[in-house]
Amino acid sequence: EVIVNFEDLKKIIHLAQSQNIQKSAAELNITSGALSKTLKKIEANLNTALFTRSGRNIQLNQQGKKFLGYASQL
């Protein structure tokens, strides 16, 4: 069973919209390291990557789009 808390979901939704860890972290008043850790924790819980990373860029992948659809309904 996968357990993800609501605050973490909000962070991932924000990140999906901005596609920028530093920008999202600043707007959420947390460090980029904390946001990155939250993302890794959720991806580990789901056993799948939600974003494709290339350098400093991050982009929602197919699994991430599915997850976002579910998360947005909550």
C-alpha atoms as a PDB file:
ATOM      1  CA  GLU A   1       0.000   0.000   0.000  1.00  0.00           C
ATOM      2  CA  VAL A   2       1.321   3.410  -0.962  1.00  0.00           C
ATOM      3  CA  ILE A   3       0.941   6.203   1.566  1.00  0.00           C
ATOM      4  CA  VAL A   4       1.625   9.763   0.458  1.00  0.00           C
ATOM      5  CA  ASN A   5       0.669  12.696   2.624  1.00  0.00           C
ATOM      6  CA  PHE A   6      -1.408  15.559   1.276  1.00  0.00           C
ATOM      7  CA  GLU A   7       1.310  18.199   1.774  1.00  0.00           C
ATOM      8  CA  ASP A   8       3.732  16.126  -0.306  1.00  0.00           C
ATOM      9  CA  LEU A   9       1.097  15.800  -3.041  1.00  0.00           C
ATOM     10  CA  LYS A  10       0.707  19.571  -3.165  1.00  0.00           C
ATOM     11  CA  LYS A  11       4.476  19.948  -3.522  1.00  0.00           C
ATOM     12  CA  ILE A  12       4.607  17.477  -6.427  1.00  0.00           C
ATOM     13  CA  ILE A  13       1.656  19.164  -8.165  1.00  0.00           C
ATOM     14  CA  HIS A  14       3.432  22.529  -7.813  1.00  0.00           C
ATOM     15  CA  LEU A  15       6.650  21.020  -9.151  1.00  0.00           C
ATOM     16  CA  ALA A  16       4.813  19.503 -12.116  1.00  0.00           C
ATOM     17  CA  GLN A  17       3.428  22.924 -13.006  1.00  0.00           C
ATOM     18  CA  SER A  18       6.702  24.823 -12.680  1.00  0.00           C
ATOM     19  CA  GLN A  19       9.039  22.041 -13.883  1.00  0.00           C
ATOM     20  CA  ASN A  20      11.764  23.735 -11.866  1.00  0.00           C
ATOM     21  CA  ILE A  21      12.880  22.449  -8.456  1.00  0.00           C
ATOM     22  CA  GLN A  22      14.531  25.716  -7.376  1.00  0.00           C
ATOM     23  CA  LYS A  23      11.526  27.840  -8.361  1.00  0.00           C
ATOM     24  CA  SER A  24       9.001  25.520  -6.712  1.00  0.00           C
ATOM     25  CA  ALA A  25      11.088  25.226  -3.564  1.00  0.00           C
ATOM     26  CA  ALA A  26      11.360  29.022  -3.269  1.00  0.00           C
ATOM     27  CA  GLU A  27       7.599  29.467  -3.783  1.00  0.00           C
ATOM     28  CA  LEU A  28       6.835  26.700  -1.260  1.00  0.00           C
ATOM     29  CA  ASN A  29       9.297  28.224   1.257  1.00  0.00           C
ATOM     30  CA  ILE A  30      11.424  25.078   1.488  1.00  0.00           C
ATOM     31  CA  THR A  31      14.919  24.245   0.276  1.00  0.00           C
ATOM     32  CA  SER A  32      15.423  22.643  -3.118  1.00  0.00           C
ATOM     33  CA  GLY A  33      17.091  19.751  -1.265  1.00  0.00           C
ATOM     34  CA  ALA A  34      13.959  19.186   0.830  1.00  0.00           C
ATOM     35  CA  LEU A  35      11.753  19.245  -2.276  1.00  0.00           C
ATOM     36  CA  SER A  36      14.075  16.872  -4.088  1.00  0.00           C
ATOM     37  CA  LYS A  37      14.000  14.529  -1.077  1.00  0.00           C
ATOM     38  CA  THR A  38      10.179  14.626  -1.019  1.00  0.00           C
ATOM     39  CA  LEU A  39      10.083  13.769  -4.722  1.00  0.00           C
ATOM     40  CA  LYS A  40      12.524  10.878  -4.275  1.00  0.00           C
ATOM     41  CA  LYS A  41      10.484   9.560  -1.330  1.00  0.00           C
ATOM     42  CA  ILE A  42       7.256   9.581  -3.365  1.00  0.00           C
ATOM     43  CA  GLU A  43       8.951   7.984  -6.368  1.00  0.00           C
ATOM     44  CA  ALA A  44      10.395   5.284  -4.080  1.00  0.00           C
ATOM     45  CA  ASN A  45       6.949   4.659  -2.543  1.00  0.00           C
ATOM     46  CA  LEU A  46       5.396   4.350  -5.999  1.00  0.00           C
ATOM     47  CA  ASN A  47       8.396   2.418  -7.300  1.00  0.00           C
ATOM     48  CA  THR A  48       8.466   4.581 -10.435  1.00  0.00           C
ATOM     49  CA  ALA A  49       9.965   7.847 -11.667  1.00  0.00           C
ATOM     50  CA  LEU A  50       7.437  10.655 -12.123  1.00  0.00           C
ATOM     51  CA  PHE A  51       9.811  13.097 -13.791  1.00  0.00           C
ATOM     52  CA  THR A  52      12.495  12.884 -16.439  1.00  0.00           C
ATOM     53  CA  ARG A  53      15.572  14.753 -15.329  1.00  0.00           C
ATOM     54  CA  SER A  54      18.126  16.285 -17.650  1.00  0.00           C
ATOM     55  CA  GLY A  55      20.655  18.554 -16.011  1.00  0.00           C
ATOM     56  CA  ARG A  56      18.766  21.209 -14.075  1.00  0.00           C
ATOM     57  CA  ASN A  57      15.577  20.595 -16.028  1.00  0.00           C
ATOM     58  CA  ILE A  58      12.802  18.332 -14.811  1.00  0.00           C
ATOM     59  CA  GLN A  59       9.797  17.274 -16.857  1.00  0.00           C
ATOM     60  CA  LEU A  60       6.739  15.195 -16.013  1.00  0.00           C
ATOM     61  CA  ASN A  61       6.916  11.800 -17.716  1.00  0.00           C
ATOM     62  CA  GLN A  62       4.022   9.488 -18.690  1.00  0.00           C
ATOM     63  CA  GLN A  63       3.803   7.914 -15.205  1.00  0.00           C
ATOM     64  CA  GLY A  64       3.960  11.382 -13.674  1.00  0.00           C
ATOM     65  CA  LYS A  65       1.068  12.570 -15.825  1.00  0.00           C
ATOM     66  CA  LYS A  66      -1.035   9.618 -14.648  1.00  0.00           C
ATOM     67  CA  PHE A  67      -0.098  10.275 -11.024  1.00  0.00           C
ATOM     68  CA  LEU A  68      -0.870  13.985 -11.393  1.00  0.00           C
ATOM     69  CA  GLY A  69      -4.324  13.121 -12.724  1.00  0.00           C
ATOM     70  CA  TYR A  70      -5.060  11.090  -9.585  1.00  0.00           C
ATOM     71  CA  ALA A  71      -3.414  13.581  -7.228  1.00  0.00           C
ATOM     72  CA  SER A  72      -5.313  16.530  -8.673  1.00  0.00           C
ATOM     73  CA  GLN A  73      -8.647  14.836  -7.914  1.00  0.00           C
ATOM     74  CA  LEU A  74      -7.876  14.513  -4.193  1.00  0.00           C
END
